[in-house]
Amino acid sequence: MSSIDTLIERSGVHDDWRITLSESLLTLQPDYLESLLRDDTWLPGIDRLLAAFRRNRSGVRYLLVGESPYPRRESANGIAFYDAAVGSLWSEQGLSKAVNRATSLRNIVKTALLAEGHLQKDSAGKITQESIARLDKGGLIRTLPELFQNLEQAGFLMLNATPVLHPERKPVIEARYWLPFLERLLALIARNSSRRITLLLWGKIAKLIESMPASDNYDKIVCEHPYNISFIDNPKMLQLFAELQLLNKPILSTEA
């Protein structure tokens, strides 16, 4: 089995993606590819590297590109912004402790709460734990897996611009190995899609994709990384989240 086949097999990707990923992974430097197979110190690890591609291909409407995996083994699972260590979204105090501790995830949930009209900012312009605690959550999803199930049903493919977080290299350096892969991947997805997909670029590293010729085949929404508090007020994100209604249950599948 080739190194590329090993990566694909170990990640358990959907059959829809095998040919596309095989061709895209050919852009990786062979020495770098071999180093990933030998080294077990990087995240999310060989069995989760391509986990974003476990979903089917036909329903993809949005391609969300983040930055890099979470720096904790229990959290990094190969799907952008999905903290595998988080279960419940809520607590008696408002957001659960795990969500409140994960800055990007906390801001994503607050953006959804605001965009969907579940609450408003207080007089100081903040969304407080107290206001979230008082919210009637009877019609809302309860867990992070439910949120990402809704994202998948809405047509999201969620990957990081730098799929590997290496202890010896900064993400911006690691990204150099993966940018050719992303450009080839974008070209192949667009070529074989029956619809025009929206490309969501969150953060500085993801924004590098905007200048790729292959990105011209997509509608693009570019914004700051959700780690930044300004993400909550981004009008493009508020509009998108209002349309998606991700926190409400159940969400009807939009797959065609």
C-alpha atoms as a PDB file:
ATOM      1  CA  MET A   1       0.000   0.000   0.000  1.00  0.00           C
ATOM      2  CA  SER A   2       1.362   3.428  -0.951  1.00  0.00           C
ATOM      3  CA  SER A   3       1.831   6.214   1.597  1.00  0.00           C
ATOM      4  CA  ILE A   4      -1.115   8.110   0.112  1.00  0.00           C
ATOM      5  CA  ASP A   5      -3.346   5.042   0.250  1.00  0.00           C
ATOM      6  CA  THR A   6      -2.316   4.540   3.875  1.00  0.00           C
ATOM      7  CA  LEU A   7      -3.322   8.096   4.800  1.00  0.00           C
ATOM      8  CA  ILE A   8      -6.696   7.705   3.114  1.00  0.00           C
ATOM      9  CA  GLU A   9      -7.355   4.251   4.539  1.00  0.00           C
ATOM     10  CA  ARG A  10      -6.369   5.137   8.099  1.00  0.00           C
ATOM     11  CA  SER A  11      -8.627   8.206   8.135  1.00  0.00           C
ATOM     12  CA  GLY A  12     -11.658   6.202   7.013  1.00  0.00           C
ATOM     13  CA  VAL A  13     -12.715   8.698   4.346  1.00  0.00           C
ATOM     14  CA  HIS A  14     -15.967   8.319   2.408  1.00  0.00           C
ATOM     15  CA  ASP A  15     -15.593   6.492  -0.902  1.00  0.00           C
ATOM     16  CA  ASP A  16     -16.797   9.649  -2.684  1.00  0.00           C
ATOM     17  CA  TRP A  17     -13.493  11.361  -1.874  1.00  0.00           C
ATOM     18  CA  ARG A  18     -10.900   8.665  -2.507  1.00  0.00           C
ATOM     19  CA  ILE A  19      -9.963   9.586  -6.084  1.00  0.00           C
ATOM     20  CA  THR A  20      -9.974  13.325  -5.384  1.00  0.00           C
ATOM     21  CA  LEU A  21      -7.825  12.940  -2.280  1.00  0.00           C
ATOM     22  CA  SER A  22      -5.424  10.553  -4.000  1.00  0.00           C
ATOM     23  CA  GLU A  23      -4.762  13.108  -6.718  1.00  0.00           C
ATOM     24  CA  SER A  24      -4.577  16.056  -4.319  1.00  0.00           C
ATOM     25  CA  LEU A  25      -2.155  14.311  -1.957  1.00  0.00           C
ATOM     26  CA  LEU A  26       0.272  13.805  -4.836  1.00  0.00           C
ATOM     27  CA  THR A  27       1.174  17.480  -4.378  1.00  0.00           C
ATOM     28  CA  LEU A  28       2.747  16.759  -0.972  1.00  0.00           C
ATOM     29  CA  GLN A  29       6.515  16.432  -0.874  1.00  0.00           C
ATOM     30  CA  PRO A  30       7.340  12.697  -0.604  1.00  0.00           C
ATOM     31  CA  ASP A  31       9.768  13.214   2.285  1.00  0.00           C
ATOM     32  CA  TYR A  32       7.178  15.206   4.192  1.00  0.00           C
ATOM     33  CA  LEU A  33       4.526  12.569   3.568  1.00  0.00           C
ATOM     34  CA  GLU A  34       6.818   9.824   4.835  1.00  0.00           C
ATOM     35  CA  SER A  35       7.643  11.859   7.938  1.00  0.00           C
ATOM     36  CA  LEU A  36       3.957  12.012   8.843  1.00  0.00           C
ATOM     37  CA  LEU A  37       3.729   8.239   8.704  1.00  0.00           C
ATOM     38  CA  ARG A  38       6.804   7.797  10.915  1.00  0.00           C
ATOM     39  CA  ASP A  39       6.054  10.506  13.488  1.00  0.00           C
ATOM     40  CA  ASP A  40       3.262  10.222  16.055  1.00  0.00           C
ATOM     41  CA  THR A  41       3.820  13.537  17.853  1.00  0.00           C
ATOM     42  CA  TRP A  42       1.708  15.716  15.546  1.00  0.00           C
ATOM     43  CA  LEU A  43      -2.020  16.350  15.777  1.00  0.00           C
ATOM     44  CA  PRO A  44      -4.650  15.195  15.045  1.00  0.00           C
ATOM     45  CA  GLY A  45      -2.741  12.004  14.180  1.00  0.00           C
ATOM     46  CA  ILE A  46      -2.742   9.645  11.229  1.00  0.00           C
ATOM     47  CA  ASP A  47      -6.194   8.182  11.981  1.00  0.00           C
ATOM     48  CA  ARG A  48      -7.875  11.601  11.997  1.00  0.00           C
ATOM     49  CA  LEU A  49      -5.878  13.597   9.465  1.00  0.00           C
ATOM     50  CA  LEU A  50      -8.557  13.386   6.761  1.00  0.00           C
ATOM     51  CA  ALA A  51     -11.573  12.910   9.037  1.00  0.00           C
ATOM     52  CA  ALA A  52     -13.323  15.914   7.460  1.00  0.00           C
ATOM     53  CA  PHE A  53     -13.828  13.728   4.390  1.00  0.00           C
ATOM     54  CA  ARG A  54     -15.871  11.062   6.153  1.00  0.00           C
ATOM     55  CA  ARG A  55     -19.025  12.837   5.003  1.00  0.00           C
ATOM     56  CA  ASN A  56     -20.468  12.275   1.535  1.00  0.00           C
ATOM     57  CA  ARG A  57     -19.631  14.560  -1.350  1.00  0.00           C
ATOM     58  CA  SER A  58     -22.955  15.157  -3.067  1.00  0.00           C
ATOM     59  CA  GLY A  59     -24.416  17.318  -0.302  1.00  0.00           C
ATOM     60  CA  VAL A  60     -21.505  19.759   0.016  1.00  0.00           C
ATOM     61  CA  ARG A  61     -22.637  23.380  -0.289  1.00  0.00           C
ATOM     62  CA  TYR A  62     -20.071  25.102   1.918  1.00  0.00           C
ATOM     63  CA  LEU A  63     -16.351  24.489   2.180  1.00  0.00           C
ATOM     64  CA  LEU A  64     -15.207  25.948   5.496  1.00  0.00           C
ATOM     65  CA  VAL A  65     -11.455  26.389   5.909  1.00  0.00           C
ATOM     66  CA  GLY A  66     -10.042  27.131   9.357  1.00  0.00           C
ATOM     67  CA  GLU A  67      -6.462  27.444  10.502  1.00  0.00           C
ATOM     68  CA  SER A  68      -4.959  24.437  12.302  1.00  0.00           C
ATOM     69  CA  PRO A  69      -5.966  21.601  14.659  1.00  0.00           C
ATOM     70  CA  TYR A  70      -6.579  22.133  18.358  1.00  0.00           C
ATOM     71  CA  PRO A  71      -3.325  21.813  20.359  1.00  0.00           C
ATOM     72  CA  ARG A  72      -4.751  19.062  22.572  1.00  0.00           C
ATOM     73  CA  ARG A  73      -4.911  15.412  21.554  1.00  0.00           C
ATOM     74  CA  GLU A  74      -8.305  14.900  23.176  1.00  0.00           C
ATOM     75  CA  SER A  75      -9.715  17.861  21.221  1.00  0.00           C
ATOM     76  CA  ALA A  76      -8.173  17.549  17.746  1.00  0.00           C
ATOM     77  CA  ASN A  77     -10.262  15.252  15.547  1.00  0.00           C
ATOM     78  CA  GLY A  78      -9.511  16.398  11.982  1.00  0.00           C
ATOM     79  CA  ILE A  79     -12.678  18.485  11.557  1.00  0.00           C
ATOM     80  CA  ALA A  80     -12.175  22.245  11.754  1.00  0.00           C
ATOM     81  CA  PHE A  81     -13.477  23.851  14.969  1.00  0.00           C
ATOM     82  CA  TYR A  82     -14.868  20.559  16.279  1.00  0.00           C
ATOM     83  CA  ASP A  83     -13.452  20.143  19.790  1.00  0.00           C
ATOM     84  CA  ALA A  84     -13.840  16.429  20.447  1.00  0.00           C
ATOM     85  CA  ALA A  85     -13.474  17.001  24.195  1.00  0.00           C
ATOM     86  CA  VAL A  86     -16.678  19.067  24.342  1.00  0.00           C
ATOM     87  CA  GLY A  87     -20.012  17.406  24.990  1.00  0.00           C
ATOM     88  CA  SER A  88     -22.766  19.651  26.315  1.00  0.00           C
ATOM     89  CA  LEU A  89     -23.157  23.189  24.995  1.00  0.00           C
ATOM     90  CA  TRP A  90     -25.011  24.490  28.046  1.00  0.00           C
ATOM     91  CA  SER A  91     -24.855  24.526  31.828  1.00  0.00           C
ATOM     92  CA  GLU A  92     -26.907  26.123  34.594  1.00  0.00           C
ATOM     93  CA  GLN A  93     -24.475  29.052  34.422  1.00  0.00           C
ATOM     94  CA  GLY A  94     -24.934  29.586  30.651  1.00  0.00           C
ATOM     95  CA  LEU A  95     -22.427  28.067  28.261  1.00  0.00           C
ATOM     96  CA  SER A  96     -20.816  24.888  29.540  1.00  0.00           C
ATOM     97  CA  LYS A  97     -17.364  25.201  31.071  1.00  0.00           C
ATOM     98  CA  ALA A  98     -15.800  23.358  28.117  1.00  0.00           C
ATOM     99  CA  VAL A  99     -17.404  25.677  25.543  1.00  0.00           C
ATOM    100  CA  ASN A 100     -16.599  28.792  27.546  1.00  0.00           C
ATOM    101  CA  ARG A 101     -12.951  27.730  27.748  1.00  0.00           C
ATOM    102  CA  ALA A 102     -12.646  27.161  23.973  1.00  0.00           C
ATOM    103  CA  THR A 103     -12.507  30.743  22.668  1.00  0.00           C
ATOM    104  CA  SER A 104     -13.279  30.060  19.000  1.00  0.00           C
ATOM    105  CA  LEU A 105     -16.122  27.699  19.789  1.00  0.00           C
ATOM    106  CA  ARG A 106     -17.538  30.096  22.375  1.00  0.00           C
ATOM    107  CA  ASN A 107     -17.640  32.913  19.832  1.00  0.00           C
ATOM    108  CA  ILE A 108     -19.229  30.679  17.187  1.00  0.00           C
ATOM    109  CA  VAL A 109     -22.039  29.691  19.570  1.00  0.00           C
ATOM    110  CA  LYS A 110     -22.565  33.304  20.662  1.00  0.00           C
ATOM    111  CA  THR A 111     -22.729  34.397  17.026  1.00  0.00           C
ATOM    112  CA  ALA A 112     -25.386  31.768  16.351  1.00  0.00           C
ATOM    113  CA  LEU A 113     -27.401  32.793  19.422  1.00  0.00           C
ATOM    114  CA  LEU A 114     -27.344  36.408  18.307  1.00  0.00           C
ATOM    115  CA  ALA A 115     -27.979  35.749  14.610  1.00  0.00           C
ATOM    116  CA  GLU A 116     -30.886  33.392  15.246  1.00  0.00           C
ATOM    117  CA  GLY A 117     -32.572  35.917  17.534  1.00  0.00           C
ATOM    118  CA  HIS A 118     -32.400  33.856  20.716  1.00  0.00           C
ATOM    119  CA  LEU A 119     -30.944  36.783  22.661  1.00  0.00           C
ATOM    120  CA  GLN A 120     -29.535  40.271  22.303  1.00  0.00           C
ATOM    121  CA  LYS A 121     -26.466  42.004  23.672  1.00  0.00           C
ATOM    122  CA  ASP A 122     -26.827  43.840  26.969  1.00  0.00           C
ATOM    123  CA  SER A 123     -26.402  47.587  27.475  1.00  0.00           C
ATOM    124  CA  ALA A 124     -22.627  47.115  27.583  1.00  0.00           C
ATOM    125  CA  GLY A 125     -22.647  45.357  24.219  1.00  0.00           C
ATOM    126  CA  LYS A 126     -21.938  41.909  25.664  1.00  0.00           C
ATOM    127  CA  ILE A 127     -23.529  38.471  25.571  1.00  0.00           C
ATOM    128  CA  THR A 128     -23.261  37.362  29.182  1.00  0.00           C
ATOM    129  CA  GLN A 129     -23.375  33.973  30.841  1.00  0.00           C
ATOM    130  CA  GLU A 130     -26.381  35.200  32.818  1.00  0.00           C
ATOM    131  CA  SER A 131     -28.383  35.993  29.681  1.00  0.00           C
ATOM    132  CA  ILE A 132     -27.551  32.585  28.216  1.00  0.00           C
ATOM    133  CA  ALA A 133     -28.519  30.881  31.490  1.00  0.00           C
ATOM    134  CA  ARG A 134     -31.955  32.556  31.408  1.00  0.00           C
ATOM    135  CA  LEU A 135     -32.593  31.507  27.823  1.00  0.00           C
ATOM    136  CA  ASP A 136     -35.315  28.912  27.229  1.00  0.00           C
ATOM    137  CA  LYS A 137     -33.385  26.137  25.489  1.00  0.00           C
ATOM    138  CA  GLY A 138     -36.319  23.808  24.970  1.00  0.00           C
ATOM    139  CA  GLY A 139     -36.142  24.163  21.195  1.00  0.00           C
ATOM    140  CA  LEU A 140     -32.352  24.176  20.960  1.00  0.00           C
ATOM    141  CA  ILE A 141     -29.831  21.430  20.425  1.00  0.00           C
ATOM    142  CA  ARG A 142     -27.931  20.339  23.534  1.00  0.00           C
ATOM    143  CA  THR A 143     -24.533  19.065  22.463  1.00  0.00           C
ATOM    144  CA  LEU A 144     -21.598  19.888  20.218  1.00  0.00           C
ATOM    145  CA  PRO A 145     -22.028  16.660  18.206  1.00  0.00           C
ATOM    146  CA  GLU A 146     -25.578  17.834  17.417  1.00  0.00           C
ATOM    147  CA  LEU A 147     -24.232  21.196  16.234  1.00  0.00           C
ATOM    148  CA  PHE A 148     -21.788  19.543  13.878  1.00  0.00           C
ATOM    149  CA  GLN A 149     -24.455  17.136  12.681  1.00  0.00           C
ATOM    150  CA  ASN A 150     -26.528  20.186  11.749  1.00  0.00           C
ATOM    151  CA  LEU A 151     -23.527  21.721   9.994  1.00  0.00           C
ATOM    152  CA  GLU A 152     -23.019  18.534   7.996  1.00  0.00           C
ATOM    153  CA  GLN A 153     -26.703  18.355   7.066  1.00  0.00           C
ATOM    154  CA  ALA A 154     -26.542  21.994   5.967  1.00  0.00           C
ATOM    155  CA  GLY A 155     -23.797  20.964   3.543  1.00  0.00           C
ATOM    156  CA  PHE A 156     -20.584  21.871   5.361  1.00  0.00           C
ATOM    157  CA  LEU A 157     -17.203  20.312   4.637  1.00  0.00           C
ATOM    158  CA  MET A 158     -14.916  21.603   7.398  1.00  0.00           C
ATOM    159  CA  LEU A 159     -11.146  21.354   7.141  1.00  0.00           C
ATOM    160  CA  ASN A 160      -8.090  23.270   8.275  1.00  0.00           C
ATOM    161  CA  ALA A 161      -5.723  25.106   5.937  1.00  0.00           C
ATOM    162  CA  THR A 162      -2.980  23.450   7.967  1.00  0.00           C
ATOM    163  CA  PRO A 163      -4.307  19.938   8.706  1.00  0.00           C
ATOM    164  CA  VAL A 164      -1.195  19.092  10.751  1.00  0.00           C
ATOM    165  CA  LEU A 165      -0.175  20.750  14.023  1.00  0.00           C
ATOM    166  CA  HIS A 166       3.478  19.829  14.517  1.00  0.00           C
ATOM    167  CA  PRO A 167       5.274  20.437  17.835  1.00  0.00           C
ATOM    168  CA  GLU A 168       8.410  21.653  16.051  1.00  0.00           C
ATOM    169  CA  ARG A 169       6.833  24.009  13.486  1.00  0.00           C
ATOM    170  CA  LYS A 170       4.414  26.932  13.654  1.00  0.00           C
ATOM    171  CA  PRO A 171       1.162  26.538  11.688  1.00  0.00           C
ATOM    172  CA  VAL A 172       2.143  29.260   9.206  1.00  0.00           C
ATOM    173  CA  ILE A 173       5.268  27.217   8.361  1.00  0.00           C
ATOM    174  CA  GLU A 174       3.369  23.921   8.219  1.00  0.00           C
ATOM    175  CA  ALA A 175       0.863  25.524   5.858  1.00  0.00           C
ATOM    176  CA  ARG A 176       3.533  25.782   3.160  1.00  0.00           C
ATOM    177  CA  TYR A 177       3.467  22.000   2.784  1.00  0.00           C
ATOM    178  CA  TRP A 178      -0.316  21.981   2.357  1.00  0.00           C
ATOM    179  CA  LEU A 179      -1.147  24.971   0.159  1.00  0.00           C
ATOM    180  CA  PRO A 180      -0.495  23.045  -3.104  1.00  0.00           C
ATOM    181  CA  PHE A 181      -2.747  20.268  -1.777  1.00  0.00           C
ATOM    182  CA  LEU A 182      -5.520  22.757  -1.054  1.00  0.00           C
ATOM    183  CA  GLU A 183      -5.258  24.384  -4.465  1.00  0.00           C
ATOM    184  CA  ARG A 184      -5.492  21.039  -6.214  1.00  0.00           C
ATOM    185  CA  LEU A 185      -8.338  19.957  -3.947  1.00  0.00           C
ATOM    186  CA  LEU A 186     -10.310  23.126  -4.666  1.00  0.00           C
ATOM    187  CA  ALA A 187      -9.871  22.686  -8.399  1.00  0.00           C
ATOM    188  CA  LEU A 188     -11.065  19.079  -8.321  1.00  0.00           C
ATOM    189  CA  ILE A 189     -14.057  19.748  -6.072  1.00  0.00           C
ATOM    190  CA  ALA A 190     -15.241  22.613  -8.278  1.00  0.00           C
ATOM    191  CA  ARG A 191     -14.718  20.610 -11.459  1.00  0.00           C
ATOM    192  CA  ASN A 192     -16.823  17.715 -10.218  1.00  0.00           C
ATOM    193  CA  SER A 193     -19.564  19.610  -8.390  1.00  0.00           C
ATOM    194  CA  SER A 194     -23.040  20.059  -9.837  1.00  0.00           C
ATOM    195  CA  ARG A 195     -23.503  23.325  -7.907  1.00  0.00           C
ATOM    196  CA  ARG A 196     -21.409  26.387  -7.129  1.00  0.00           C
ATOM    197  CA  ILE A 197     -20.019  25.946  -3.623  1.00  0.00           C
ATOM    198  CA  THR A 198     -19.441  28.752  -1.119  1.00  0.00           C
ATOM    199  CA  LEU A 199     -15.902  28.958   0.248  1.00  0.00           C
ATOM    200  CA  LEU A 200     -15.703  30.218   3.846  1.00  0.00           C
ATOM    201  CA  LEU A 201     -12.216  31.386   4.810  1.00  0.00           C
ATOM    202  CA  TRP A 202     -11.780  32.013   8.543  1.00  0.00           C
ATOM    203  CA  GLY A 203      -8.456  33.504   9.618  1.00  0.00           C
ATOM    204  CA  LYS A 204      -5.169  34.695   8.144  1.00  0.00           C
ATOM    205  CA  ILE A 205      -3.839  31.327   6.966  1.00  0.00           C
ATOM    206  CA  ALA A 206      -7.151  30.391   5.348  1.00  0.00           C
ATOM    207  CA  LYS A 207      -7.182  33.800   3.656  1.00  0.00           C
ATOM    208  CA  LEU A 208      -4.112  32.723   1.641  1.00  0.00           C
ATOM    209  CA  ILE A 209      -6.494  30.564  -0.377  1.00  0.00           C
ATOM    210  CA  GLU A 210      -8.301  33.657  -1.641  1.00  0.00           C
ATOM    211  CA  SER A 211      -5.462  34.401  -4.084  1.00  0.00           C
ATOM    212  CA  MET A 212      -5.432  30.887  -5.555  1.00  0.00           C
ATOM    213  CA  PRO A 213      -6.800  30.723  -9.124  1.00  0.00           C
ATOM    214  CA  ALA A 214      -8.835  27.655  -8.123  1.00  0.00           C
ATOM    215  CA  SER A 215     -10.792  29.756  -5.620  1.00  0.00           C
ATOM    216  CA  ASP A 216     -12.320  31.754  -8.483  1.00  0.00           C
ATOM    217  CA  ASN A 217     -14.671  28.828  -9.066  1.00  0.00           C
ATOM    218  CA  TYR A 218     -16.351  29.482  -5.710  1.00  0.00           C
ATOM    219  CA  ASP A 219     -18.451  32.128  -4.049  1.00  0.00           C
ATOM    220  CA  LYS A 220     -16.261  33.412  -1.207  1.00  0.00           C
ATOM    221  CA  ILE A 221     -16.917  34.742   2.272  1.00  0.00           C
ATOM    222  CA  VAL A 222     -13.731  35.860   4.023  1.00  0.00           C
ATOM    223  CA  CYS A 223     -13.621  36.913   7.661  1.00  0.00           C
ATOM    224  CA  GLU A 224     -11.493  36.977  10.776  1.00  0.00           C
ATOM    225  CA  HIS A 225     -10.805  33.825  12.782  1.00  0.00           C
ATOM    226  CA  PRO A 226     -13.542  33.180  15.361  1.00  0.00           C
ATOM    227  CA  TYR A 227     -10.868  33.419  18.056  1.00  0.00           C
ATOM    228  CA  ASN A 228     -11.341  37.182  17.633  1.00  0.00           C
ATOM    229  CA  ILE A 229     -14.252  38.730  19.535  1.00  0.00           C
ATOM    230  CA  SER A 230     -15.069  40.825  16.443  1.00  0.00           C
ATOM    231  CA  PHE A 231     -16.277  37.610  14.755  1.00  0.00           C
ATOM    232  CA  ILE A 232     -19.510  37.916  16.741  1.00  0.00           C
ATOM    233  CA  ASP A 233     -20.287  41.266  15.109  1.00  0.00           C
ATOM    234  CA  ASN A 234     -19.233  40.345  11.577  1.00  0.00           C
ATOM    235  CA  PRO A 235     -22.305  41.134   9.422  1.00  0.00           C
ATOM    236  CA  LYS A 236     -21.441  38.410   6.907  1.00  0.00           C
ATOM    237  CA  MET A 237     -21.356  35.781   9.643  1.00  0.00           C
ATOM    238  CA  LEU A 238     -24.522  37.072  11.285  1.00  0.00           C
ATOM    239  CA  GLN A 239     -26.354  36.843   7.967  1.00  0.00           C
ATOM    240  CA  LEU A 240     -25.052  33.337   7.257  1.00  0.00           C
ATOM    241  CA  PHE A 241     -25.852  32.036  10.737  1.00  0.00           C
ATOM    242  CA  ALA A 242     -29.328  33.574  10.570  1.00  0.00           C
ATOM    243  CA  GLU A 243     -29.980  31.649   7.360  1.00  0.00           C
ATOM    244  CA  LEU A 244     -28.610  28.358   8.703  1.00  0.00           C
ATOM    245  CA  GLN A 245     -30.419  28.286  12.090  1.00  0.00           C
ATOM    246  CA  LEU A 246     -27.901  25.761  13.400  1.00  0.00           C
ATOM    247  CA  LEU A 247     -28.936  25.843  17.049  1.00  0.00           C
ATOM    248  CA  ASN A 248     -32.569  25.007  16.410  1.00  0.00           C
ATOM    249  CA  LYS A 249     -33.665  21.381  16.326  1.00  0.00           C
ATOM    250  CA  PRO A 250     -34.271  19.578  14.158  1.00  0.00           C
ATOM    251  CA  ILE A 251     -32.693  20.962  11.003  1.00  0.00           C
ATOM    252  CA  LEU A 252     -33.963  19.524   7.728  1.00  0.00           C
ATOM    253  CA  SER A 253     -31.326  18.135   5.404  1.00  0.00           C
ATOM    254  CA  THR A 254     -30.574  20.303   2.366  1.00  0.00           C
ATOM    255  CA  GLU A 255     -28.771  17.551   0.495  1.00  0.00           C
ATOM    256  CA  ALA A 256     -29.783  16.987  -3.088  1.00  0.00           C
END
